[in-house]
Amino acid sequence: MNRILVAVALLLLALADPAAAMGGHKGGGNQTENDANKAAAAKKAKEADRAYKEALKKIPDKPQDPWGQLR
């Protein structure tokens, strides 16, 4: 019984350590890097949005009937 209890306790400790690391914190970082990352992310989002809108323009309004000429 003690072995099972020790094994469960070790398992919980092993799982708690990565979970604590994944929690993250809002510690101080280099503000210029954060601003540069935000600017790059915003630029990338704009480019993706523009590409999405261009792709939407290529979709035909009227659906095609692939069997239309065979009927």
Protein backbone atom coordinates (compact mmCIF):
# COMPACT_ATOMS: atom_id res chain seq x y z
CA MET A 1 0.00 0.00 0.00
CA ASN A 2 2.84 2.38 0.82
CA ARG A 3 4.44 1.75 -2.56
CA ILE A 4 1.24 2.74 -4.35
CA LEU A 5 0.91 5.88 -2.25
CA VAL A 6 4.54 6.84 -2.94
CA ALA A 7 4.08 6.17 -6.66
CA VAL A 8 0.96 8.34 -6.81
CA ALA A 9 2.72 11.12 -4.89
CA LEU A 10 5.70 11.02 -7.28
CA LEU A 11 3.38 11.05 -10.26
CA LEU A 12 1.57 14.11 -8.94
CA LEU A 13 4.86 15.88 -8.31
CA ALA A 14 6.08 15.01 -11.81
CA LEU A 15 2.91 16.42 -13.36
CA ALA A 16 2.80 19.53 -11.18
CA ASP A 17 6.20 20.82 -12.27
CA PRO A 18 5.39 21.15 -16.02
CA ALA A 19 1.97 22.56 -15.18
CA ALA A 20 3.58 25.30 -13.09
CA ALA A 21 5.97 26.09 -15.93
CA MET A 22 3.11 26.41 -18.41
CA GLY A 23 1.31 28.94 -16.22
CA GLY A 24 3.51 31.75 -17.40
CA HIS A 25 3.89 35.12 -15.77
CA LYS A 26 3.77 38.65 -16.95
CA GLY A 27 7.27 39.47 -15.88
CA GLY A 28 9.29 42.34 -17.13
CA GLY A 29 10.75 41.91 -20.54
CA ASN A 30 12.40 44.13 -23.05
CA GLN A 31 9.63 46.55 -24.06
CA THR A 32 11.21 47.30 -27.43
CA GLU A 33 11.19 43.63 -28.35
CA ASN A 34 7.54 43.38 -27.32
CA ASP A 35 6.65 46.40 -29.46
CA ALA A 36 8.62 45.03 -32.41
CA ASN A 37 6.87 41.67 -32.07
CA LYS A 38 3.47 43.36 -31.92
CA ALA A 39 4.24 45.44 -34.99
CA ALA A 40 5.44 42.39 -36.92
CA ALA A 41 2.35 40.43 -35.88
CA ALA A 42 0.07 43.27 -36.95
CA LYS A 43 1.79 43.51 -40.33
CA LYS A 44 1.53 39.75 -40.81
CA ALA A 45 -2.16 39.84 -39.89
CA LYS A 46 -2.82 42.62 -42.42
CA GLU A 47 -1.06 40.64 -45.15
CA ALA A 48 -3.05 37.51 -44.30
CA ASP A 49 -6.31 39.50 -44.34
CA ARG A 50 -5.45 41.00 -47.71
CA ALA A 51 -4.62 37.56 -49.15
CA TYR A 52 -7.89 36.18 -47.76
CA LYS A 53 -9.92 38.96 -49.38
CA GLU A 54 -8.13 38.43 -52.71
CA ALA A 55 -8.89 34.70 -52.54
CA LEU A 56 -12.57 35.44 -51.88
CA LYS A 57 -12.72 37.52 -55.06
CA LYS A 58 -11.60 34.49 -57.09
CA ILE A 59 -14.56 32.36 -55.98
CA PRO A 60 -17.31 32.43 -58.62
CA ASP A 61 -20.69 33.81 -57.56
CA LYS A 62 -22.74 31.21 -59.43
CA PRO A 63 -22.08 27.56 -58.54
CA GLN A 64 -20.95 25.42 -61.46
CA ASP A 65 -22.84 22.30 -62.52
CA PRO A 66 -20.21 19.72 -63.53
CA TRP A 67 -22.85 17.40 -65.04
CA GLY A 68 -24.68 20.16 -66.91
CA GLN A 69 -23.52 19.20 -70.42
CA LEU A 70 -24.10 15.47 -69.95
CA ARG A 71 -27.81 15.68 -69.22
